[in-house]
Amino acid sequence: MKEEEVQRCVFHLEDEEEKLVVHGEISGESEVEYHDDLKLKAVIALLNSVDQVNFTKAEKGAQFNEFMEEIQDVLSEMKSNEHFQGKINE
């Protein structure tokens, strides 16, 4: 892949107090406006790297379940709305 063909998408997530929770960058070849295909590929890659057992060992099983529920809620909203940029838990 040539350097000029690489496209980047920088993202961040803030909490209710606008404190930075996570920040990252995705790069690769994109065929969709706003790199939306790269964003979904990154989500899949990240989800594939998570092990539920680590939450269990840290006694954070409830937190794992909360994350899974939030992910499912976001996916449901995205599927039911052609244009979605919302926040489920406001």
N, C-alpha and C. Protein backbone atom coordinates (compact mmCIF):
# COMPACT_ATOMS: atom_id res chain seq x y z
N MET A 1 0.85 -1.17 0.00
CA MET A 1 0.00 0.00 0.00
C MET A 1 0.90 1.23 0.00
N LYS A 2 0.69 2.13 -0.94
CA LYS A 2 1.46 3.36 -1.02
C LYS A 2 1.04 4.31 0.08
N GLU A 3 2.00 5.09 0.58
CA GLU A 3 1.72 6.01 1.68
C GLU A 3 0.61 6.99 1.32
N GLU A 4 0.58 7.48 0.06
CA GLU A 4 -0.45 8.44 -0.31
C GLU A 4 -1.84 7.81 -0.38
N GLU A 5 -1.92 6.48 -0.43
CA GLU A 5 -3.21 5.80 -0.46
C GLU A 5 -3.76 5.55 0.94
N VAL A 6 -2.91 5.67 1.96
CA VAL A 6 -3.34 5.43 3.33
C VAL A 6 -4.19 6.60 3.80
N GLN A 7 -5.33 6.28 4.36
CA GLN A 7 -6.23 7.30 4.89
C GLN A 7 -6.31 7.11 6.39
N ARG A 8 -6.46 8.21 7.11
CA ARG A 8 -6.47 8.15 8.57
C ARG A 8 -7.74 8.75 9.13
N CYS A 9 -8.17 8.18 10.21
CA CYS A 9 -9.33 8.69 10.95
C CYS A 9 -8.94 8.73 12.42
N VAL A 10 -8.97 9.91 13.01
CA VAL A 10 -8.66 10.07 14.43
C VAL A 10 -9.99 10.14 15.18
N PHE A 11 -10.05 9.46 16.32
CA PHE A 11 -11.28 9.45 17.10
C PHE A 11 -10.98 9.64 18.58
N HIS A 12 -12.00 10.04 19.31
CA HIS A 12 -11.88 10.14 20.77
C HIS A 12 -13.26 9.98 21.39
N LEU A 13 -13.26 9.60 22.65
CA LEU A 13 -14.48 9.46 23.43
C LEU A 13 -14.28 10.21 24.73
N GLU A 14 -15.26 11.04 25.06
CA GLU A 14 -15.21 11.81 26.31
C GLU A 14 -16.36 11.39 27.20
N ASP A 15 -16.18 11.53 28.51
CA ASP A 15 -17.25 11.22 29.45
C ASP A 15 -18.17 12.43 29.61
N GLU A 16 -19.09 12.34 30.56
CA GLU A 16 -20.09 13.40 30.76
C GLU A 16 -19.45 14.74 31.14
N GLU A 17 -18.28 14.70 31.78
CA GLU A 17 -17.57 15.92 32.18
C GLU A 17 -16.59 16.38 31.10
N GLU A 18 -16.71 15.81 29.89
CA GLU A 18 -15.85 16.12 28.75
C GLU A 18 -14.39 15.75 29.01
N LYS A 19 -14.18 14.78 29.89
CA LYS A 19 -12.84 14.26 30.16
C LYS A 19 -12.55 13.16 29.14
N LEU A 20 -11.36 13.19 28.56
CA LEU A 20 -10.98 12.21 27.56
C LEU A 20 -10.92 10.81 28.17
N VAL A 21 -11.65 9.87 27.57
CA VAL A 21 -11.68 8.49 28.03
C VAL A 21 -10.77 7.62 27.17
N VAL A 22 -10.85 7.81 25.86
CA VAL A 22 -10.04 7.03 24.93
C VAL A 22 -9.79 7.86 23.68
N HIS A 23 -8.62 7.64 23.08
CA HIS A 23 -8.23 8.36 21.87
C HIS A 23 -7.50 7.36 20.98
N GLY A 24 -7.70 7.45 19.68
CA GLY A 24 -7.01 6.53 18.80
C GLY A 24 -6.98 7.02 17.37
N GLU A 25 -6.31 6.26 16.55
CA GLU A 25 -6.21 6.56 15.13
C GLU A 25 -6.33 5.27 14.34
N ILE A 26 -7.10 5.32 13.27
CA ILE A 26 -7.29 4.18 12.37
C ILE A 26 -6.68 4.59 11.03
N SER A 27 -5.97 3.68 10.39
CA SER A 27 -5.45 4.00 9.07
C SER A 27 -5.60 2.77 8.17
N GLY A 28 -5.76 3.03 6.90
CA GLY A 28 -5.91 1.97 5.92
C GLY A 28 -6.57 2.51 4.67
N GLU A 29 -6.90 1.62 3.76
CA GLU A 29 -7.58 2.03 2.55
C GLU A 29 -9.08 2.04 2.80
N SER A 30 -9.72 3.13 2.40
CA SER A 30 -11.15 3.27 2.61
C SER A 30 -11.86 3.47 1.28
N GLU A 31 -13.03 2.89 1.17
CA GLU A 31 -13.83 3.03 -0.04
C GLU A 31 -15.14 3.77 0.24
N VAL A 32 -15.32 4.22 1.48
CA VAL A 32 -16.57 4.83 1.90
C VAL A 32 -16.28 6.21 2.47
N GLU A 33 -17.17 7.14 2.21
CA GLU A 33 -17.03 8.50 2.72
C GLU A 33 -16.88 8.51 4.24
N TYR A 34 -16.07 9.42 4.72
CA TYR A 34 -15.79 9.60 6.16
C TYR A 34 -15.14 8.37 6.78
N HIS A 35 -14.55 7.50 5.96
CA HIS A 35 -13.83 6.31 6.43
C HIS A 35 -14.73 5.37 7.24
N ASP A 36 -16.02 5.38 6.99
CA ASP A 36 -16.93 4.56 7.79
C ASP A 36 -16.63 3.07 7.70
N ASP A 37 -16.13 2.59 6.56
CA ASP A 37 -15.76 1.18 6.46
C ASP A 37 -14.56 0.86 7.35
N LEU A 38 -13.58 1.77 7.40
CA LEU A 38 -12.43 1.56 8.28
C LEU A 38 -12.84 1.57 9.75
N LYS A 39 -13.77 2.44 10.09
CA LYS A 39 -14.25 2.52 11.48
C LYS A 39 -14.87 1.19 11.91
N LEU A 40 -15.70 0.61 11.05
CA LEU A 40 -16.33 -0.67 11.41
C LEU A 40 -15.32 -1.80 11.46
N LYS A 41 -14.33 -1.79 10.56
CA LYS A 41 -13.28 -2.81 10.61
C LYS A 41 -12.50 -2.69 11.92
N ALA A 42 -12.25 -1.46 12.37
CA ALA A 42 -11.54 -1.25 13.64
C ALA A 42 -12.36 -1.77 14.81
N VAL A 43 -13.67 -1.53 14.78
CA VAL A 43 -14.54 -2.03 15.85
C VAL A 43 -14.48 -3.55 15.91
N ILE A 44 -14.56 -4.19 14.76
CA ILE A 44 -14.50 -5.65 14.71
C ILE A 44 -13.16 -6.15 15.25
N ALA A 45 -12.07 -5.51 14.83
CA ALA A 45 -10.75 -5.91 15.31
C ALA A 45 -10.63 -5.75 16.82
N LEU A 46 -11.12 -4.64 17.34
CA LEU A 46 -11.05 -4.41 18.79
C LEU A 46 -11.91 -5.41 19.55
N LEU A 47 -13.13 -5.66 19.07
CA LEU A 47 -13.99 -6.63 19.75
C LEU A 47 -13.39 -8.02 19.74
N ASN A 48 -12.72 -8.38 18.65
CA ASN A 48 -12.08 -9.69 18.56
C ASN A 48 -10.89 -9.83 19.50
N SER A 49 -10.42 -8.71 20.05
CA SER A 49 -9.27 -8.77 20.95
C SER A 49 -9.67 -8.78 22.43
N VAL A 50 -10.96 -8.73 22.72
CA VAL A 50 -11.44 -8.67 24.10
C VAL A 50 -11.76 -10.08 24.60
N ASP A 51 -11.30 -10.40 25.81
CA ASP A 51 -11.60 -11.68 26.44
C ASP A 51 -12.44 -11.44 27.69
N GLN A 52 -13.60 -12.02 27.72
CA GLN A 52 -14.51 -11.87 28.87
C GLN A 52 -13.85 -12.33 30.16
N VAL A 53 -12.98 -13.32 30.08
CA VAL A 53 -12.33 -13.87 31.27
C VAL A 53 -11.54 -12.79 32.02
N ASN A 54 -11.00 -11.82 31.30
CA ASN A 54 -10.25 -10.75 31.97
C ASN A 54 -11.15 -9.91 32.86
N PHE A 55 -12.38 -9.71 32.46
CA PHE A 55 -13.35 -9.00 33.30
C PHE A 55 -13.70 -9.85 34.52
N THR A 56 -13.85 -11.15 34.30
CA THR A 56 -14.17 -12.06 35.40
C THR A 56 -13.05 -12.07 36.43
N LYS A 57 -11.82 -12.17 35.96
CA LYS A 57 -10.66 -12.18 36.87
C LYS A 57 -10.58 -10.89 37.68
N ALA A 58 -10.97 -9.77 37.07
CA ALA A 58 -10.91 -8.47 37.75
C ALA A 58 -12.19 -8.20 38.54
N GLU A 59 -13.06 -9.19 38.59
CA GLU A 59 -14.36 -9.05 39.26
C GLU A 59 -15.16 -7.89 38.69
N LYS A 60 -15.12 -7.77 37.35
CA LYS A 60 -15.82 -6.72 36.62
C LYS A 60 -16.81 -7.32 35.62
N GLY A 61 -17.38 -8.47 35.96
CA GLY A 61 -18.33 -9.12 35.06
C GLY A 61 -19.53 -8.26 34.76
N ALA A 62 -20.01 -7.50 35.73
CA ALA A 62 -21.16 -6.61 35.51
C ALA A 62 -20.80 -5.52 34.50
N GLN A 63 -19.57 -5.02 34.58
CA GLN A 63 -19.13 -3.99 33.64
C GLN A 63 -19.08 -4.56 32.22
N PHE A 64 -18.61 -5.78 32.08
CA PHE A 64 -18.59 -6.44 30.77
C PHE A 64 -20.00 -6.50 30.20
N ASN A 65 -20.96 -6.92 31.03
CA ASN A 65 -22.35 -7.01 30.58
C ASN A 65 -22.92 -5.65 30.20
N GLU A 66 -22.56 -4.60 30.95
CA GLU A 66 -23.01 -3.25 30.62
C GLU A 66 -22.45 -2.81 29.27
N PHE A 67 -21.17 -3.09 29.02
CA PHE A 67 -20.58 -2.74 27.73
C PHE A 67 -21.27 -3.49 26.60
N MET A 68 -21.54 -4.79 26.79
CA MET A 68 -22.19 -5.57 25.75
C MET A 68 -23.59 -5.03 25.45
N GLU A 69 -24.31 -4.65 26.50
CA GLU A 69 -25.65 -4.08 26.31
C GLU A 69 -25.58 -2.75 25.55
N GLU A 70 -24.62 -1.92 25.90
CA GLU A 70 -24.49 -0.63 25.22
C GLU A 70 -24.13 -0.82 23.75
N ILE A 71 -23.23 -1.77 23.47
CA ILE A 71 -22.87 -2.07 22.09
C ILE A 71 -24.09 -2.55 21.31
N GLN A 72 -24.89 -3.45 21.91
CA GLN A 72 -26.09 -3.94 21.24
C GLN A 72 -27.09 -2.82 21.00
N ASP A 73 -27.24 -1.91 21.97
CA ASP A 73 -28.14 -0.77 21.80
C ASP A 73 -27.69 0.14 20.66
N VAL A 74 -26.40 0.41 20.60
CA VAL A 74 -25.87 1.26 19.53
C VAL A 74 -26.09 0.60 18.18
N LEU A 75 -25.81 -0.70 18.09
CA LEU A 75 -26.02 -1.41 16.83
C LEU A 75 -27.48 -1.38 16.39
N SER A 76 -28.39 -1.56 17.33
CA SER A 76 -29.82 -1.52 17.01
C SER A 76 -30.21 -0.15 16.47
N GLU A 77 -29.72 0.90 17.12
CA GLU A 77 -30.02 2.26 16.66
C GLU A 77 -29.43 2.53 15.28
N MET A 78 -28.20 2.08 15.06
CA MET A 78 -27.55 2.29 13.77
C MET A 78 -28.31 1.57 12.65
N LYS A 79 -28.77 0.36 12.93
CA LYS A 79 -29.49 -0.41 11.92
C LYS A 79 -30.85 0.20 11.59
N SER A 80 -31.46 0.84 12.57
CA SER A 80 -32.82 1.36 12.35
C SER A 80 -32.83 2.79 11.83
N ASN A 81 -31.69 3.46 11.77
CA ASN A 81 -31.62 4.84 11.30
C ASN A 81 -30.55 4.95 10.21
N GLU A 82 -30.96 5.48 9.07
CA GLU A 82 -30.00 5.62 7.97
C GLU A 82 -28.87 6.58 8.34
N HIS A 83 -29.18 7.61 9.10
CA HIS A 83 -28.18 8.59 9.55
C HIS A 83 -28.15 8.56 11.06
N PHE A 84 -27.04 8.09 11.63
CA PHE A 84 -26.97 7.93 13.08
C PHE A 84 -25.67 8.50 13.60
N GLN A 85 -25.78 9.48 14.45
CA GLN A 85 -24.62 10.04 15.12
C GLN A 85 -24.97 10.28 16.59
N GLY A 86 -25.83 9.47 17.14
CA GLY A 86 -26.36 9.72 18.47
C GLY A 86 -25.59 9.05 19.57
N LYS A 87 -26.01 9.35 20.77
CA LYS A 87 -25.47 8.73 21.97
C LYS A 87 -26.61 8.05 22.68
N ILE A 88 -26.45 6.78 22.97
CA ILE A 88 -27.51 6.02 23.64
C ILE A 88 -27.66 6.46 25.09
N ASN A 89 -26.55 6.55 25.80
CA ASN A 89 -26.60 6.88 27.23
C ASN A 89 -26.24 8.34 27.45
N GLU A 90 -27.21 9.21 27.39
CA GLU A 90 -26.94 10.63 27.59
C GLU A 90 -27.25 11.01 29.01
